[in-house]
Protein backbone atom coordinates (compact mmCIF):
# COMPACT_ATOMS: atom_id res chain seq x y z
CA MET A 1 0.00 0.00 0.00
CA ALA A 2 1.74 3.16 -1.22
CA LEU A 3 1.89 6.04 1.23
CA THR A 4 2.38 9.62 0.10
CA LEU A 5 3.06 12.89 1.90
CA ASP A 6 -0.23 14.32 3.17
CA HIS A 7 0.74 17.43 5.11
CA ILE A 8 3.38 19.19 7.20
CA VAL A 9 2.38 20.76 10.52
CA ILE A 10 3.72 24.22 11.42
CA ALA A 11 2.90 25.47 14.92
CA VAL A 12 2.43 29.22 15.38
CA HIS A 13 1.34 31.64 18.10
CA ASP A 14 -0.96 33.94 16.13
CA LEU A 15 -2.89 32.41 13.23
CA ASP A 16 -4.10 35.71 11.77
CA LYS A 17 -0.59 37.15 11.69
CA THR A 18 0.75 33.92 10.17
CA ILE A 19 -1.87 33.97 7.41
CA ASP A 20 -0.85 37.53 6.52
CA ASP A 21 2.86 36.66 6.51
CA TYR A 22 2.47 33.55 4.35
CA ALA A 23 0.34 35.57 1.94
CA ALA A 24 3.15 38.16 1.82
CA LEU A 25 5.49 35.31 0.77
CA GLY A 26 3.20 34.59 -2.18
CA PHE A 27 1.29 31.63 -0.78
CA THR A 28 -2.47 31.26 -1.16
CA VAL A 29 -3.77 30.59 2.35
CA VAL A 30 -7.24 29.30 3.24
CA ARG A 31 -8.76 29.05 6.70
CA GLY A 32 -9.29 25.46 7.79
CA GLY A 33 -11.50 25.88 10.84
CA GLU A 34 -11.68 24.53 14.40
CA HIS A 35 -10.89 21.13 15.93
CA PRO A 36 -13.79 20.00 18.16
CA GLY A 37 -12.63 19.18 21.67
CA ARG A 38 -9.31 21.00 21.22
CA PRO A 39 -8.43 24.71 21.55
CA THR A 40 -6.86 24.74 18.09
CA HIS A 41 -7.69 26.36 14.78
CA ASN A 42 -5.78 26.22 11.52
CA ALA A 43 -5.18 27.47 8.01
CA LEU A 44 -3.91 25.58 4.97
CA VAL A 45 -1.45 26.15 2.14
CA VAL A 46 -2.33 23.50 -0.45
CA PHE A 47 -0.12 22.59 -3.41
CA GLU A 48 -0.81 21.16 -6.87
CA ASP A 49 0.74 17.83 -5.86
CA GLY A 50 -1.87 17.43 -3.10
CA ALA A 51 0.42 17.98 -0.12
CA TYR A 52 -0.18 20.96 2.14
CA PHE A 53 1.07 22.99 5.09
CA GLU A 54 -1.13 23.04 8.16
CA LEU A 55 -0.62 26.29 10.06
CA ILE A 56 -1.96 25.55 13.53
CA ALA A 57 -2.44 27.79 16.57
CA TRP A 58 -3.90 27.43 20.06
CA ARG A 59 -6.56 29.69 21.55
CA SER A 60 -5.51 28.61 25.06
CA PRO A 61 -2.66 26.56 26.57
CA ALA A 62 -2.82 22.78 26.13
CA PRO A 63 -0.09 21.32 28.39
CA GLN A 64 -1.05 17.71 27.56
CA ASP A 65 -0.68 18.29 23.79
CA ARG A 66 2.80 17.39 22.49
CA TRP A 67 2.46 19.87 19.63
CA TRP A 68 1.68 22.67 22.07
CA GLN A 69 4.62 21.57 24.25
CA LEU A 70 6.96 21.89 21.25
CA LEU A 71 5.61 25.36 20.50
CA ASP A 72 5.87 26.42 24.14
CA GLN A 73 9.39 25.07 24.66
CA HIS A 74 11.03 25.66 21.29
CA GLY A 75 9.01 28.37 19.59
CA GLU A 76 7.26 28.43 16.25
CA GLY A 77 8.21 26.09 13.43
CA ILE A 78 7.75 22.67 11.84
CA ILE A 79 6.62 20.14 14.43
CA ASP A 80 5.21 17.09 12.63
CA PHE A 81 4.10 15.60 9.33
CA ALA A 82 1.56 13.08 8.08
CA LEU A 83 1.34 10.45 5.38
CA LEU A 84 -1.86 9.65 3.49
CA PRO A 85 -2.91 5.98 3.75
CA PRO A 86 -5.41 4.29 1.42
CA SER A 87 -6.88 2.81 4.62
CA THR A 88 -5.68 3.86 8.06
CA ALA A 89 -6.74 0.61 9.73
CA GLU A 90 -5.14 -1.58 7.05
CA VAL A 91 -1.83 0.29 7.09
CA ILE A 92 -1.70 0.12 10.90
CA ALA A 93 -2.42 -3.61 10.84
CA ALA A 94 0.24 -4.23 8.18
CA ALA A 95 2.83 -2.15 10.04
CA LYS A 96 2.08 -3.98 13.30
CA SER A 97 2.53 -7.32 11.53
CA ARG A 98 6.04 -6.12 10.62
CA GLY A 99 6.79 -5.24 14.23
CA LEU A 100 6.02 -1.49 14.36
CA ASP A 101 4.09 -0.07 17.30
CA LEU A 102 1.34 2.25 16.00
CA GLN A 103 -1.58 3.58 18.00
CA GLY A 104 -4.98 3.74 16.36
CA PRO A 105 -7.06 4.11 14.36
CA LEU A 106 -7.97 7.24 16.33
CA ASP A 107 -10.93 9.40 15.34
CA GLY A 108 -10.37 13.05 14.48
CA GLY A 109 -12.14 15.88 12.72
CA ARG A 110 -12.46 19.54 11.96
CA LEU A 111 -15.34 22.02 11.63
CA ARG A 112 -14.77 24.21 8.59
CA PRO A 113 -15.73 27.90 8.62
CA ASP A 114 -18.64 27.09 6.29
CA GLY A 115 -20.06 24.56 8.76
CA GLU A 116 -18.85 21.42 6.95
CA GLN A 117 -17.89 18.72 9.45
CA LEU A 118 -14.82 16.70 8.43
CA GLN A 119 -13.89 13.28 9.77
CA TRP A 120 -10.66 11.31 9.58
CA GLN A 121 -8.69 8.62 11.37
CA THR A 122 -5.07 8.80 12.45
CA GLY A 123 -2.37 6.30 13.32
CA ARG A 124 0.21 7.55 15.81
CA PRO A 125 3.80 6.26 16.16
CA THR A 126 5.55 6.01 19.51
CA THR A 127 8.79 7.58 18.22
CA TYR A 128 9.19 11.09 16.80
CA ASP A 129 11.32 10.14 13.78
CA LEU A 130 8.17 8.76 12.15
CA PRO A 131 5.16 10.60 10.71
CA PHE A 132 1.60 9.96 11.74
CA LEU A 133 -1.08 8.64 9.38
CA CYS A 134 -4.08 10.75 8.41
CA GLY A 135 -6.79 8.96 6.42
CA ASP A 136 -10.10 10.53 5.46
CA ILE A 137 -13.56 9.28 6.35
CA THR A 138 -15.29 12.19 4.62
CA PRO A 139 -13.98 12.89 1.08
CA ARG A 140 -10.42 14.26 1.09
CA LYS A 141 -11.40 17.15 -1.18
CA LEU A 142 -13.44 18.53 1.73
CA ARG A 143 -10.35 18.53 3.96
CA VAL A 144 -7.85 19.52 1.27
CA PRO A 145 -9.36 22.13 -1.09
CA GLU A 146 -8.89 21.85 -4.83
CA GLY A 147 -8.88 24.37 -7.65
CA GLU A 148 -7.48 27.91 -7.61
CA VAL A 149 -6.43 27.72 -3.95
CA ARG A 150 -3.59 25.43 -5.09
CA GLN A 151 -2.08 28.18 -7.24
CA HIS A 152 0.57 30.34 -5.58
CA ALA A 153 1.99 33.67 -6.72
CA ASN A 154 5.47 32.60 -5.61
CA GLY A 155 5.46 29.65 -8.04
CA ALA A 156 5.31 26.82 -5.48
CA THR A 157 3.77 23.64 -6.88
CA GLY A 158 4.53 21.06 -4.20
CA VAL A 159 6.94 19.64 -1.66
CA ALA A 160 10.14 18.36 -3.24
CA ARG A 161 11.82 17.27 -0.02
CA LEU A 162 11.22 17.17 3.71
CA THR A 163 14.27 16.68 5.96
CA VAL A 164 13.83 14.85 9.26
CA ALA A 165 16.32 14.67 12.13
CA VAL A 166 16.81 11.14 13.52
CA SER A 167 18.98 9.97 16.42
CA ASP A 168 19.92 6.58 14.98
CA LEU A 169 19.65 6.27 11.21
CA LEU A 170 19.72 2.47 11.10
CA GLN A 171 16.99 2.11 13.70
CA SER A 172 14.86 4.75 11.96
CA LEU A 173 15.24 2.98 8.62
CA GLU A 174 14.05 -0.25 10.22
CA ARG A 175 10.95 1.54 11.48
CA TYR A 176 10.31 3.15 8.07
CA ARG A 177 10.60 -0.24 6.37
CA ALA A 178 8.05 -1.59 8.82
CA LEU A 179 5.74 1.35 8.13
CA LEU A 180 6.11 1.46 4.34
CA GLY A 181 6.57 -2.22 3.57
CA ASP A 182 8.94 -4.14 1.32
CA LYS A 183 8.40 -1.81 -1.64
CA ALA A 184 9.87 1.20 0.17
CA HIS A 185 12.44 3.01 -2.01
CA ILE A 186 15.31 3.81 0.38
CA HIS A 187 18.75 5.08 -0.61
CA ALA A 188 21.60 5.54 1.90
CA ALA A 189 23.91 8.55 1.43
CA ASP A 190 26.50 10.79 3.07
CA GLY A 191 28.67 7.97 4.36
CA GLY A 192 25.82 6.39 6.26
CA ASN A 193 24.73 9.58 8.03
CA SER A 194 21.63 10.17 5.90
CA ALA A 195 19.15 8.37 3.67
CA THR A 196 16.36 9.29 1.30
CA ILE A 197 12.95 7.67 0.99
CA ALA A 198 10.61 8.18 -1.97
CA LEU A 199 7.08 9.20 -1.00
CA GLY A 200 5.19 9.58 -4.26
CA ASN A 201 6.21 12.92 -5.76
CA SER A 202 8.18 13.93 -2.67
CA VAL A 203 11.39 12.75 -1.04
CA LEU A 204 11.94 12.26 2.66
CA GLU A 205 15.51 12.84 3.82
CA LEU A 206 16.60 11.38 7.15
CA THR A 207 19.73 12.84 8.76
CA GLN A 208 21.47 12.03 12.03
CA THR A 209 23.80 15.04 11.94
CA ALA A 210 21.24 17.84 12.48
CA PRO A 211 22.00 20.32 15.31
CA GLN A 212 18.28 20.12 16.18
CA LEU A 213 18.89 16.72 17.81
CA GLN A 214 20.72 18.36 20.72
CA SER A 215 17.90 20.75 21.51
CA LYS A 216 14.53 19.86 20.02
CA GLY A 217 15.13 16.17 19.36
CA GLU A 218 13.90 14.04 16.48
CA GLY A 219 11.41 15.35 13.95
CA PRO A 220 10.98 17.34 10.72
CA LEU A 221 13.26 20.35 10.32
CA ALA A 222 13.34 21.72 6.74
CA ILE A 223 11.20 21.92 3.60
CA VAL A 224 12.27 22.28 -0.03
CA LEU A 225 9.52 23.28 -2.46
CA LYS A 226 9.02 22.48 -6.13
CA GLY A 227 8.51 25.35 -8.55
CA ALA A 228 10.41 28.25 -10.09
CA GLY A 229 10.20 30.36 -6.93
CA THR A 230 10.15 34.14 -6.59
CA TRP A 231 12.53 33.96 -3.61
CA GLU A 232 15.25 31.54 -2.50
CA GLN A 233 15.23 31.06 1.28
CA ALA A 234 12.19 32.50 3.01
CA SER A 235 12.65 34.74 6.03
CA ALA A 236 12.13 32.81 9.27
CA ASN A 237 10.17 35.78 10.58
CA LEU A 238 7.63 35.45 7.76
CA THR A 239 7.51 31.63 7.87
CA HIS A 240 7.20 31.72 11.68
CA GLY A 241 10.25 29.56 12.27
CA ALA A 242 9.76 27.09 9.40
CA ASP A 243 12.85 26.47 7.23
CA ILE A 244 11.41 26.76 3.68
CA ALA A 245 13.40 27.08 0.44
CA PHE A 246 12.89 26.36 -3.25
CA ALA A 247 14.67 23.48 -5.02
CA LYS A 248 15.93 25.92 -7.65
CA ALA A 249 17.82 27.87 -5.00
CA GLU A 250 19.52 24.70 -3.76
CA LEU A 251 20.58 23.72 -7.27
CA GLU A 252 22.07 27.18 -7.81
CA LYS A 253 24.01 26.91 -4.55
CA ALA A 254 25.31 23.46 -5.58
CA ASP A 255 26.40 24.76 -8.99
CA SER A 256 28.17 27.67 -7.31
CA SER A 257 30.05 25.31 -5.00
CA LEU A 258 31.19 23.16 -7.92
CA ALA A 259 32.39 26.24 -9.81
CA THR A 260 34.60 27.32 -6.92
CA ALA A 261 35.86 23.86 -5.93
């Protein structure tokens, strides 16, 4: 069962301010709504390839919520990411049969500003090097808008790569193989310090040399977007702590390094 990148979660303090700042960067931002039973509301930046950013904020403290803890302790930025399963229950069962501990299926949902009630199920890992699963009960197009909202003035068309900090690369790769199955496309690199995993149109890069490991611990740390791009590396002030760049900018930096080597 092929799993693809569903969304990347970016925790912020002030949702209204974040919406304005992402719009200033050339992203089309749409309000997502409220999460029943939680003090959270969100907005989405959806790309042509179907992946999206979830910009999430809290209306009141939530000390039991790991995402809120990350925001409170480390400030704004990328805190998690999700894969899209064809069936949450089936993927969880298959992963468990391969020895991976996943919690779920767990029910979730969101109330959109227009009153539409969304439902989904999640599967939650017990380690932070792994993503969670987010599978729809109501049609995905209700949760992830289609059409003109996927067009961005800055030229972004999707997520080319998401980099994730891991403490032990070999152990993380074992867990990813258990999650993704035998058909997982994994390529080791950088002398055994990193590896890449194909997730549909996106690539997941695992690295065990990230400075983040000493402070924030395991988890997603940087995004590279597909598209021509009207800027190279976005200001952390405007992205609210998220490390976001365009693939074109990285290629230009690589070419420059080769020219001066």
